[in-house]
């Protein structure tokens, strides 16, 4: 946030929560973190927020944040059971039991923190935080499907690994989660796993060349042994002729196999200096009350971009529209900082996205919802989203990462992350004119495809163009 909000020239920092707690260092961006984000951090103590729902009080606590379970017979509410219950059924009020410290960390402990921001924890289980309407209604009232923070949710397709019974710790390694003795500025530097750790001809090694002890080979077949259930999960390599199809060499596994991702558009943030808010690190009320909302949230048609030389899923993260209120209650400035971020959504499905879902979707390629038409030999984009009016002026369309000629319209969360350029967009959309009919990998057309090919079935070619325009 320091970089996104213009308070630092670099995305790298050695600033830690421990330093924030001991030094009291603060700024506009850090004050936002202290008051709205700090409840998840491991340095937080359990049960230090007396007026907050029990769900939030159970976070933090160092090692016990993960390695903590209640004894048999004591139920701990999950993220989808908590809502905003201030809790008349608080298990911590019962002094007649002692919590258990365990090695086998259940998914529910991971999801206790990983249900906001990228929301990968709840996405893994097929839970999508929906709009705040409380629909579909139940017996004339709001939906009972609520997450902490008065957030409603819908059930979508769960990740195939979750469906099979796999736990978070089956993939994520000890050093990745608990650290290897080094301090990393970015999560991807500490990340050890990738899809090919399991899904390759010779699985069993992390990105850092560490052997995965739970992956075994028997009679020429590979299996992963579940850390929680001891179950043997068979491992399969990518499908030949599909995953290595010509033209898809740069496409990451998740770009094709993640069929949905939470997309929170327009993070409207207000800091009111006429009020105060609780600093979650110092546990003191300090000047400045923060409130946040959003324009809308979606899940369909995950957008794609390029990170280094790999096609990945991108999503808003965050599109900050900041308004500052002075002590007299009047608007005293603000700024807009719209940023797109790469993400592995943890919504993997066994079947990848349809060809047209990428090559025929203006949203997927980063242009935003709308349609594309041909004017002469050029693609022209007609967008639906028009942006929002703010104190700092009108924004670009919130769902538009790039213009049709390849000009980036929003910031990227890493220096080497970008939207598709003009040439890439033209090649992707050119294929989109064909996949309406030629929509399977084995189609002979793809063996000899080139951008100069002309559809011999002209009348169907017009139909395909119409379909592309109306998408």
Protein backbone atom coordinates (compact mmCIF):
# COMPACT_ATOMS: atom_id res chain seq x y z
CA UNK A 1 0.00 0.00 0.00
CA UNK A 2 2.87 2.38 0.65
CA UNK A 3 3.83 2.06 -3.01
CA UNK A 4 0.28 2.06 -4.36
CA UNK A 5 -0.59 5.22 -2.44
CA UNK A 6 2.56 7.07 -3.48
CA UNK A 7 4.28 6.94 -0.09
CA UNK A 8 7.19 4.84 -1.36
CA UNK A 9 9.12 4.69 -4.61
CA UNK A 10 9.65 0.93 -4.28
CA UNK A 11 7.45 -2.10 -3.84
CA UNK A 12 10.14 -3.62 -1.61
CA UNK A 13 10.31 -2.89 2.11
CA UNK A 14 11.75 -4.31 5.30
CA UNK A 15 8.86 -2.91 7.33
CA UNK A 16 7.24 -5.53 9.58
CA UNK A 17 4.24 -5.59 11.87
CA UNK A 18 6.62 -5.99 14.80
CA UNK A 19 8.29 -2.71 13.81
CA UNK A 20 4.93 -0.98 13.51
CA UNK A 21 4.01 -2.15 16.99
CA UNK A 22 7.30 -1.13 18.63
CA UNK A 23 7.89 2.18 16.82
CA UNK A 24 4.34 3.46 16.35
CA UNK A 25 5.23 4.43 12.76
CA UNK A 26 2.22 5.73 10.89
CA UNK A 27 1.08 7.39 7.67
CA UNK A 28 -2.11 7.55 5.66
CA UNK A 29 -1.56 4.09 4.14
CA UNK A 30 -0.28 2.60 7.40
CA UNK A 31 -3.21 4.06 9.34
CA UNK A 32 -5.53 2.30 6.90
CA UNK A 33 -3.68 -0.96 7.52
CA UNK A 34 -3.67 -0.50 11.29
CA UNK A 35 -7.41 0.08 11.51
CA UNK A 36 -8.88 -2.12 8.77
CA UNK A 37 -6.36 -4.87 8.02
CA UNK A 38 -4.39 -5.78 11.13
CA UNK A 39 -6.79 -8.29 12.74
CA UNK A 40 -5.38 -11.20 10.72
CA UNK A 41 -1.71 -10.81 11.50
CA UNK A 42 0.06 -13.41 13.63
CA UNK A 43 1.50 -10.72 15.91
CA UNK A 44 -2.01 -9.88 17.07
CA UNK A 45 -3.00 -11.36 20.45
CA UNK A 46 -6.14 -13.47 20.72
CA UNK A 47 -9.16 -11.99 22.53
CA UNK A 48 -7.81 -8.43 22.50
CA UNK A 49 -10.88 -6.86 20.84
CA UNK A 50 -13.62 -6.98 23.50
CA UNK A 51 -16.32 -5.34 21.35
CA UNK A 52 -15.62 -7.37 18.21
CA UNK A 53 -17.31 -10.63 17.16
CA UNK A 54 -15.63 -13.74 18.51
CA UNK A 55 -14.52 -14.74 15.02
CA UNK A 56 -12.13 -11.78 14.94
CA UNK A 57 -10.91 -12.37 18.49
CA UNK A 58 -9.86 -15.91 17.62
CA UNK A 59 -7.35 -14.64 15.06
CA UNK A 60 -3.68 -14.06 15.82
CA UNK A 61 -1.84 -15.57 18.74
CA UNK A 62 1.37 -16.55 16.97
CA UNK A 63 1.69 -20.32 16.62
CA UNK A 64 -1.80 -20.88 18.03
CA UNK A 65 -3.29 -18.97 15.10
CA UNK A 66 -2.78 -22.13 13.02
CA UNK A 67 -1.96 -24.93 15.46
CA UNK A 68 -5.01 -24.48 17.68
CA UNK A 69 -8.18 -26.60 17.88
CA UNK A 70 -10.84 -27.06 20.51
CA UNK A 71 -11.03 -30.37 22.37
CA UNK A 72 -13.55 -33.01 21.39
CA UNK A 73 -17.10 -31.92 22.13
CA UNK A 74 -16.35 -28.20 21.77
CA UNK A 75 -17.50 -26.60 18.52
CA UNK A 76 -15.69 -23.69 16.93
CA UNK A 77 -17.73 -21.71 14.43
CA UNK A 78 -16.47 -21.78 10.85
CA UNK A 79 -16.24 -18.73 8.61
CA UNK A 80 -19.63 -19.47 7.03
CA UNK A 81 -21.28 -19.84 10.45
CA UNK A 82 -19.98 -16.70 12.10
CA UNK A 83 -21.74 -13.79 10.44
CA UNK A 84 -21.54 -10.84 12.84
CA UNK A 85 -22.53 -12.82 15.91
CA UNK A 86 -21.14 -11.02 18.96
CA UNK A 87 -21.51 -14.39 20.43
CA UNK A 88 -23.50 -15.61 23.32
CA UNK A 89 -21.90 -18.96 22.65
CA UNK A 90 -18.27 -18.00 23.01
CA UNK A 91 -16.20 -21.12 23.72
CA UNK A 92 -13.45 -18.98 25.23
CA UNK A 93 -15.76 -18.04 28.11
CA UNK A 94 -15.73 -21.65 29.26
CA UNK A 95 -12.73 -22.03 31.57
CA UNK A 96 -13.17 -25.77 32.11
CA UNK A 97 -11.17 -26.91 29.10
CA UNK A 98 -7.78 -26.36 27.53
CA UNK A 99 -7.35 -25.92 23.76
CA UNK A 100 -5.27 -28.48 21.90
CA UNK A 101 -2.05 -27.73 20.02
CA UNK A 102 -1.90 -29.85 16.89
CA UNK A 103 0.44 -30.48 13.94
CA UNK A 104 -2.28 -31.35 11.43
CA UNK A 105 -3.73 -27.91 10.67
CA UNK A 106 -7.34 -28.08 9.38
CA UNK A 107 -8.55 -25.95 6.47
CA UNK A 108 -10.86 -24.00 8.78
CA UNK A 109 -7.84 -22.48 10.53
CA UNK A 110 -6.42 -21.28 7.21
CA UNK A 111 -9.76 -19.84 6.10
CA UNK A 112 -10.09 -17.90 9.36
CA UNK A 113 -7.69 -15.37 7.80
CA UNK A 114 -7.83 -16.15 4.08
CA UNK A 115 -11.42 -14.99 3.53
CA UNK A 116 -10.79 -11.36 2.63
CA UNK A 117 -8.74 -9.56 -0.05
CA UNK A 118 -7.94 -12.34 -2.56
CA UNK A 119 -10.45 -14.59 -0.74
CA UNK A 120 -8.58 -17.72 -1.84
CA UNK A 121 -9.52 -19.65 1.30
CA UNK A 122 -13.27 -19.40 0.81
CA UNK A 123 -12.95 -19.67 -2.98
CA UNK A 124 -11.22 -23.02 -2.51
CA UNK A 125 -14.36 -24.33 -0.79
CA UNK A 126 -16.70 -22.87 -3.42
CA UNK A 127 -17.82 -19.85 -1.38
CA UNK A 128 -18.14 -16.54 -3.25
CA UNK A 129 -18.71 -13.32 -1.33
CA UNK A 130 -21.65 -11.81 -3.19
CA UNK A 131 -23.22 -8.37 -3.32
CA UNK A 132 -24.72 -7.14 -0.07
CA UNK A 133 -28.35 -7.57 -1.05
CA UNK A 134 -28.93 -10.71 1.01
CA UNK A 135 -30.44 -12.56 -1.93
CA UNK A 136 -31.80 -15.09 -2.59
CA UNK A 137 -34.23 -14.27 0.22
CA UNK A 138 -35.25 -16.95 2.68
CA UNK A 139 -38.85 -17.05 3.94
CA UNK A 140 -39.28 -13.34 3.31
CA UNK A 141 -36.02 -12.39 5.02
CA UNK A 142 -32.37 -11.95 4.11
CA UNK A 143 -30.22 -14.92 3.26
CA UNK A 144 -28.71 -16.80 6.19
CA UNK A 145 -25.54 -17.38 4.17
CA UNK A 146 -23.30 -14.78 5.81
CA UNK A 147 -19.59 -14.29 6.42
CA UNK A 148 -18.05 -12.15 9.18
CA UNK A 149 -18.48 -8.46 8.46
CA UNK A 150 -22.12 -8.68 7.27
CA UNK A 151 -21.01 -10.22 4.00
CA UNK A 152 -23.40 -12.49 2.13
CA UNK A 153 -22.16 -15.38 0.04
CA UNK A 154 -23.20 -17.77 -2.72
CA UNK A 155 -22.06 -21.33 -3.35
CA UNK A 156 -20.20 -21.86 -6.62
CA UNK A 157 -17.98 -24.64 -7.96
CA UNK A 158 -15.42 -25.68 -5.35
CA UNK A 159 -11.82 -26.32 -6.30
CA UNK A 160 -11.36 -29.88 -7.57
CA UNK A 161 -8.66 -30.49 -4.95
CA UNK A 162 -11.08 -29.54 -2.18
CA UNK A 163 -13.77 -31.68 -3.75
CA UNK A 164 -11.40 -34.66 -3.64
CA UNK A 165 -10.72 -34.01 0.06
CA UNK A 166 -7.31 -32.38 -0.05
CA UNK A 167 -6.25 -29.93 2.67
CA UNK A 168 -4.36 -26.66 2.27
CA UNK A 169 -1.28 -28.16 3.93
CA UNK A 170 -1.22 -31.04 1.47
CA UNK A 171 0.20 -28.62 -1.09
CA UNK A 172 1.59 -25.71 0.92
CA UNK A 173 4.88 -26.61 2.56
CA UNK A 174 6.23 -25.93 6.04
CA UNK A 175 8.90 -23.47 4.88
CA UNK A 176 6.42 -21.72 2.63
CA UNK A 177 3.96 -21.07 5.46
CA UNK A 178 6.27 -20.70 8.46
CA UNK A 179 9.35 -19.29 6.74
CA UNK A 180 12.79 -20.58 5.85
CA UNK A 181 14.82 -18.07 7.85
CA UNK A 182 14.81 -15.40 5.16
CA UNK A 183 12.68 -12.25 5.00
CA UNK A 184 10.83 -11.83 1.69
CA UNK A 185 9.10 -8.67 0.51
CA UNK A 186 6.63 -10.55 -1.71
CA UNK A 187 4.70 -13.78 -1.32
CA UNK A 188 5.88 -15.19 -4.65
CA UNK A 189 9.47 -15.09 -3.40
CA UNK A 190 8.57 -17.36 -0.49
CA UNK A 191 6.24 -19.56 -2.53
CA UNK A 192 7.64 -23.04 -3.11
CA UNK A 193 4.89 -24.87 -4.94
CA UNK A 194 3.40 -24.85 -8.41
CA UNK A 195 1.08 -27.09 -10.39
CA UNK A 196 3.98 -29.05 -11.88
CA UNK A 197 5.11 -30.09 -8.40
CA UNK A 198 2.36 -32.69 -8.72
CA UNK A 199 1.25 -32.55 -12.35
CA UNK A 200 4.30 -33.52 -14.40
CA UNK A 201 5.97 -36.66 -15.66
CA UNK A 202 8.34 -36.60 -12.67
CA UNK A 203 6.54 -34.90 -9.76
CA UNK A 204 7.86 -34.44 -6.24
CA UNK A 205 10.13 -31.37 -6.26
CA UNK A 206 9.29 -27.79 -5.23
CA UNK A 207 10.31 -24.68 -7.13
CA UNK A 208 13.24 -24.42 -4.70
CA UNK A 209 14.39 -27.96 -5.47
CA UNK A 210 13.20 -29.38 -2.17
CA UNK A 211 11.86 -32.93 -2.16
CA UNK A 212 8.16 -33.31 -1.26
CA UNK A 213 8.14 -36.19 1.19
CA UNK A 214 4.41 -36.87 0.79
CA UNK A 215 4.73 -37.63 -2.94
CA UNK A 216 5.61 -41.27 -3.56
CA UNK A 217 6.03 -43.55 -6.58
CA UNK A 218 4.63 -47.07 -6.77
CA UNK A 219 4.75 -49.28 -9.86
CA UNK A 220 5.38 -46.33 -12.13
CA UNK A 221 2.50 -44.27 -10.72
CA UNK A 222 2.74 -41.24 -8.45
CA UNK A 223 0.59 -40.46 -5.41
CA UNK A 224 0.34 -37.74 -2.80
CA UNK A 225 -0.35 -38.89 0.77
CA UNK A 226 -2.83 -36.59 2.51
CA UNK A 227 -1.41 -35.06 5.69
CA UNK A 228 -4.79 -35.01 7.46
CA UNK A 229 -6.47 -38.19 6.23
CA UNK A 230 -3.57 -40.36 5.01
CA UNK A 231 -5.46 -40.89 1.76
CA UNK A 232 -3.53 -41.67 -1.43
CA UNK A 233 -4.31 -39.08 -4.11
CA UNK A 234 -3.25 -40.16 -7.64
CA UNK A 235 -1.24 -37.57 -9.58
CA UNK A 236 -1.61 -37.11 -13.32
CA UNK A 237 0.56 -35.21 -15.84
CA UNK A 238 -0.96 -32.54 -18.12
CA UNK A 239 -2.96 -33.80 -21.08
CA UNK A 240 -0.76 -34.07 -24.16
CA UNK A 241 -2.08 -32.12 -27.14
CA UNK A 242 -4.15 -29.81 -24.96
CA UNK A 243 -1.98 -28.21 -22.30
CA UNK A 244 0.98 -28.06 -24.69
CA UNK A 245 -1.04 -26.95 -27.71
CA UNK A 246 0.83 -24.69 -30.10
CA UNK A 247 0.29 -21.06 -29.16
CA UNK A 248 -0.44 -21.88 -25.51
CA UNK A 249 3.18 -22.27 -24.40
CA UNK A 250 2.97 -19.26 -22.10
CA UNK A 251 -0.48 -20.00 -20.68
CA UNK A 252 -0.30 -20.84 -16.97
CA UNK A 253 -2.33 -23.75 -15.64
CA UNK A 254 -4.61 -21.50 -13.57
CA UNK A 255 -5.31 -19.20 -16.53
CA UNK A 256 -7.25 -22.03 -18.18
CA UNK A 257 -8.39 -24.19 -15.26
CA UNK A 258 -9.62 -21.42 -12.91
CA UNK A 259 -13.15 -20.83 -14.10
CA UNK A 260 -14.05 -18.06 -11.64
CA UNK A 261 -12.35 -15.54 -9.40
CA UNK A 262 -13.65 -12.88 -6.96
CA UNK A 263 -13.44 -9.47 -8.65
CA UNK A 264 -14.09 -6.54 -6.31
CA UNK A 265 -14.41 -3.43 -8.47
CA UNK A 266 -14.03 0.07 -7.06
CA UNK A 267 -12.76 0.12 -3.46
CA UNK A 268 -14.27 3.35 -2.13
CA UNK A 269 -12.28 4.40 0.93
CA UNK A 270 -13.07 7.38 3.17
CA UNK A 271 -10.95 8.70 6.05
CA UNK A 272 -12.88 11.08 8.29
CA UNK A 273 -10.66 13.16 10.56
CA UNK A 274 -13.66 14.32 12.56
CA UNK A 275 -13.92 10.82 14.04
CA UNK A 276 -11.68 8.16 15.54
CA UNK A 277 -10.99 4.50 14.90
CA UNK A 278 -9.44 1.60 16.77
CA UNK A 279 -5.81 0.95 15.91
CA UNK A 280 -5.69 -2.87 15.93
CA UNK A 281 -1.97 -2.87 16.75
CA UNK A 282 -1.83 -0.32 19.59
CA UNK A 283 -5.43 -1.09 20.71
CA UNK A 284 -6.02 2.65 21.08
CA UNK A 285 -8.60 4.95 19.56
CA UNK A 286 -6.76 7.43 17.32
CA UNK A 287 -7.81 10.23 15.03
CA UNK A 288 -9.26 9.16 11.70
CA UNK A 289 -12.26 6.93 11.09
CA UNK A 290 -12.02 4.69 8.03
CA UNK A 291 -14.98 3.41 6.02
CA UNK A 292 -14.87 1.37 2.85
CA UNK A 293 -17.30 0.09 0.25
CA UNK A 294 -17.23 -1.10 -3.33
CA UNK A 295 -18.86 -0.40 -6.66
CA UNK A 296 -19.71 -4.04 -7.39
CA UNK A 297 -18.31 -7.57 -7.17
CA UNK A 298 -18.30 -10.27 -9.84
CA UNK A 299 -16.90 -13.76 -10.34
CA UNK A 300 -17.30 -14.74 -14.02
CA UNK A 301 -14.80 -14.56 -16.90
CA UNK A 302 -11.48 -14.23 -15.03
CA UNK A 303 -9.32 -11.61 -16.70
CA UNK A 304 -5.88 -12.56 -18.01
CA UNK A 305 -2.59 -10.70 -18.15
CA UNK A 306 1.12 -11.42 -18.53
CA UNK A 307 3.46 -11.81 -15.53
CA UNK A 308 7.07 -11.99 -16.66
CA UNK A 309 6.46 -14.32 -19.62
CA UNK A 310 3.48 -16.27 -18.30
CA UNK A 311 -0.23 -15.73 -18.92
CA UNK A 312 -1.95 -15.52 -15.52
CA UNK A 313 -5.26 -14.58 -13.95
CA UNK A 314 -5.54 -10.96 -12.80
CA UNK A 315 -8.16 -9.31 -10.63
CA UNK A 316 -8.71 -5.87 -9.03
CA UNK A 317 -6.35 -5.55 -6.11
CA UNK A 318 -7.21 -2.87 -5.10
CA UNK A 319 -8.94 -0.17 -7.09
CA UNK A 320 -8.62 2.49 -4.40
CA UNK A 321 -10.84 5.56 -4.67
CA UNK A 322 -9.80 7.56 -1.61
CA UNK A 323 -11.70 10.52 -0.16
CA UNK A 324 -10.29 12.54 2.74
CA UNK A 325 -12.58 14.39 5.17
CA UNK A 326 -11.18 17.11 7.45
CA UNK A 327 -12.05 17.82 11.09
CA UNK A 328 -14.92 20.08 10.00
CA UNK A 329 -16.49 17.21 8.08
CA UNK A 330 -15.71 18.63 4.63
CA UNK A 331 -13.97 16.96 1.70
CA UNK A 332 -10.31 17.90 1.87
CA UNK A 333 -8.75 15.98 -0.97
CA UNK A 334 -8.39 12.45 -2.24
CA UNK A 335 -6.90 10.37 -5.00
CA UNK A 336 -7.58 7.39 -7.23
CA UNK A 337 -5.18 4.48 -7.57
CA UNK A 338 -6.53 1.62 -9.64
CA UNK A 339 -4.36 -1.49 -9.57
CA UNK A 340 -4.73 -4.97 -11.04
CA UNK A 341 -3.01 -7.91 -9.36
CA UNK A 342 -2.04 -11.43 -10.39
CA UNK A 343 -3.72 -14.21 -8.44
CA UNK A 344 -4.08 -17.96 -8.35
CA UNK A 345 -7.80 -18.06 -7.51
CA UNK A 346 -7.80 -21.59 -5.99
CA UNK A 347 -10.90 -22.43 -8.06
CA UNK A 348 -9.26 -25.12 -10.21
CA UNK A 349 -11.58 -27.31 -12.28
CA UNK A 350 -10.65 -30.52 -14.12
CA UNK A 351 -11.96 -29.12 -17.39
CA UNK A 352 -10.42 -25.91 -18.67
CA UNK A 353 -12.26 -22.86 -19.94
CA UNK A 354 -13.87 -23.01 -23.38
CA UNK A 355 -11.87 -21.60 -26.27
CA UNK A 356 -14.42 -18.83 -26.79
CA UNK A 357 -14.32 -17.89 -23.11
CA UNK A 358 -10.83 -16.47 -23.69
CA UNK A 359 -10.56 -15.75 -27.40
CA UNK A 360 -14.07 -14.36 -27.78
CA UNK A 361 -14.44 -12.48 -24.49
CA UNK A 362 -13.46 -8.82 -24.32
CA UNK A 363 -13.57 -9.06 -20.52
CA UNK A 364 -11.13 -11.98 -20.36
CA UNK A 365 -8.50 -10.25 -22.51
CA UNK A 366 -8.63 -7.13 -20.34
CA UNK A 367 -10.72 -4.73 -22.43
CA UNK A 368 -13.77 -4.93 -20.16
CA UNK A 369 -17.35 -5.91 -20.86
CA UNK A 370 -18.46 -4.85 -24.34
CA UNK A 371 -18.12 -5.93 -27.93
CA UNK A 372 -15.53 -5.85 -30.69
CA UNK A 373 -16.24 -5.03 -34.32
CA UNK A 374 -14.08 -4.95 -37.44
CA UNK A 375 -13.65 -1.58 -39.15
CA UNK A 376 -11.54 -2.18 -42.19
CA UNK A 377 -8.70 -4.36 -41.00
CA UNK A 378 -8.79 -3.08 -37.40
CA UNK A 379 -10.54 -4.27 -34.27
CA UNK A 380 -12.62 -1.59 -32.56
CA UNK A 381 -13.84 -2.01 -28.97
CA UNK A 382 -17.19 -0.68 -27.73
CA UNK A 383 -17.21 -0.83 -23.92
CA UNK A 384 -20.15 -0.87 -21.52
CA UNK A 385 -18.44 0.32 -18.31
CA UNK A 386 -17.84 4.09 -18.24
CA UNK A 387 -15.99 4.53 -14.95
CA UNK A 388 -17.20 6.44 -11.88
CA UNK A 389 -17.15 10.10 -10.89
CA UNK A 390 -14.93 10.80 -7.88
CA UNK A 391 -13.52 13.79 -5.99
CA UNK A 392 -10.40 13.40 -8.13
CA UNK A 393 -12.23 13.14 -11.45
CA UNK A 394 -13.72 10.35 -13.50
CA UNK A 395 -11.96 7.00 -13.46
CA UNK A 396 -11.27 4.76 -16.40
CA UNK A 397 -13.75 1.88 -16.78
CA UNK A 398 -13.21 -0.27 -13.69
CA UNK A 399 -13.16 -3.53 -15.66
CA UNK A 400 -10.74 -2.22 -18.31
CA UNK A 401 -7.07 -3.09 -17.83
CA UNK A 402 -6.01 -2.11 -21.33
CA UNK A 403 -7.20 -0.30 -24.46
CA UNK A 404 -7.72 -2.08 -27.77
CA UNK A 405 -4.35 -0.77 -29.02
CA UNK A 406 -2.53 -2.17 -25.99
CA UNK A 407 -2.23 0.94 -23.79
CA UNK A 408 -2.40 0.03 -20.06
CA UNK A 409 -5.28 1.82 -18.32
CA UNK A 410 -4.56 0.74 -14.75
CA UNK A 411 -1.50 0.09 -12.60
CA UNK A 412 -0.11 -3.39 -12.05
CA UNK A 413 0.82 -4.90 -8.70
CA UNK A 414 4.31 -5.86 -9.90
CA UNK A 415 6.74 -4.10 -12.26
CA UNK A 416 6.81 -7.17 -14.53
CA UNK A 417 3.03 -7.69 -14.60
CA UNK A 418 1.17 -6.16 -17.55
CA UNK A 419 -1.94 -6.46 -19.69
CA UNK A 420 -1.77 -7.92 -23.18
CA UNK A 421 -0.12 -5.58 -25.67
CA UNK A 422 -1.67 -4.54 -28.97
CA UNK A 423 -0.15 -7.36 -30.99
CA UNK A 424 -1.19 -9.99 -28.48
CA UNK A 425 -4.75 -8.65 -28.37
CA UNK A 426 -5.05 -8.77 -32.15
CA UNK A 427 -3.78 -12.35 -32.31
CA UNK A 428 -6.07 -13.54 -29.49
CA UNK A 429 -9.16 -11.87 -30.95
CA UNK A 430 -8.28 -13.08 -34.47
CA UNK A 431 -8.47 -16.66 -33.19
CA UNK A 432 -11.78 -15.69 -31.59
CA UNK A 433 -13.27 -15.36 -35.07
CA UNK A 434 -12.65 -19.08 -35.61
CA UNK A 435 -13.33 -20.78 -32.28
CA UNK A 436 -17.07 -20.26 -32.55
CA UNK A 437 -17.06 -23.24 -34.93
CA UNK A 438 -13.63 -24.80 -34.41
CA UNK A 439 -14.01 -25.20 -30.66
CA UNK A 440 -12.02 -28.34 -29.87
CA UNK A 441 -8.28 -28.98 -29.73
CA UNK A 442 -8.26 -31.86 -32.23
CA UNK A 443 -9.81 -29.77 -35.00
CA UNK A 444 -7.49 -30.08 -38.04
CA UNK A 445 -7.59 -26.31 -38.60
CA UNK A 446 -5.25 -25.72 -35.67
CA UNK A 447 -2.47 -27.84 -37.12
CA UNK A 448 -1.92 -25.38 -39.97
CA UNK A 449 -3.46 -22.22 -38.51
CA UNK A 450 -2.06 -18.80 -39.40
CA UNK A 451 -3.49 -15.31 -39.05
CA UNK A 452 -3.66 -14.99 -42.84
CA UNK A 453 -6.18 -17.82 -43.20
CA UNK A 454 -9.59 -16.86 -44.60
CA UNK A 455 -12.77 -18.68 -43.66
CA UNK A 456 -14.04 -20.55 -46.71
CA UNK A 457 -17.55 -20.74 -45.28
CA UNK A 458 -18.22 -17.03 -45.66
CA UNK A 459 -21.78 -17.11 -44.42
CA UNK A 460 -20.69 -18.85 -41.21
CA UNK A 461 -17.78 -16.48 -40.96
CA UNK A 462 -20.25 -13.59 -40.74
CA UNK A 463 -22.18 -15.42 -38.02
CA UNK A 464 -18.99 -15.90 -36.03
CA UNK A 465 -18.14 -12.22 -36.39
CA UNK A 466 -21.64 -11.30 -35.17
CA UNK A 467 -21.17 -13.56 -32.16
CA UNK A 468 -17.86 -11.87 -31.34
CA UNK A 469 -19.46 -8.44 -31.61
CA UNK A 470 -22.33 -9.35 -29.31
CA UNK A 471 -20.17 -10.96 -26.62
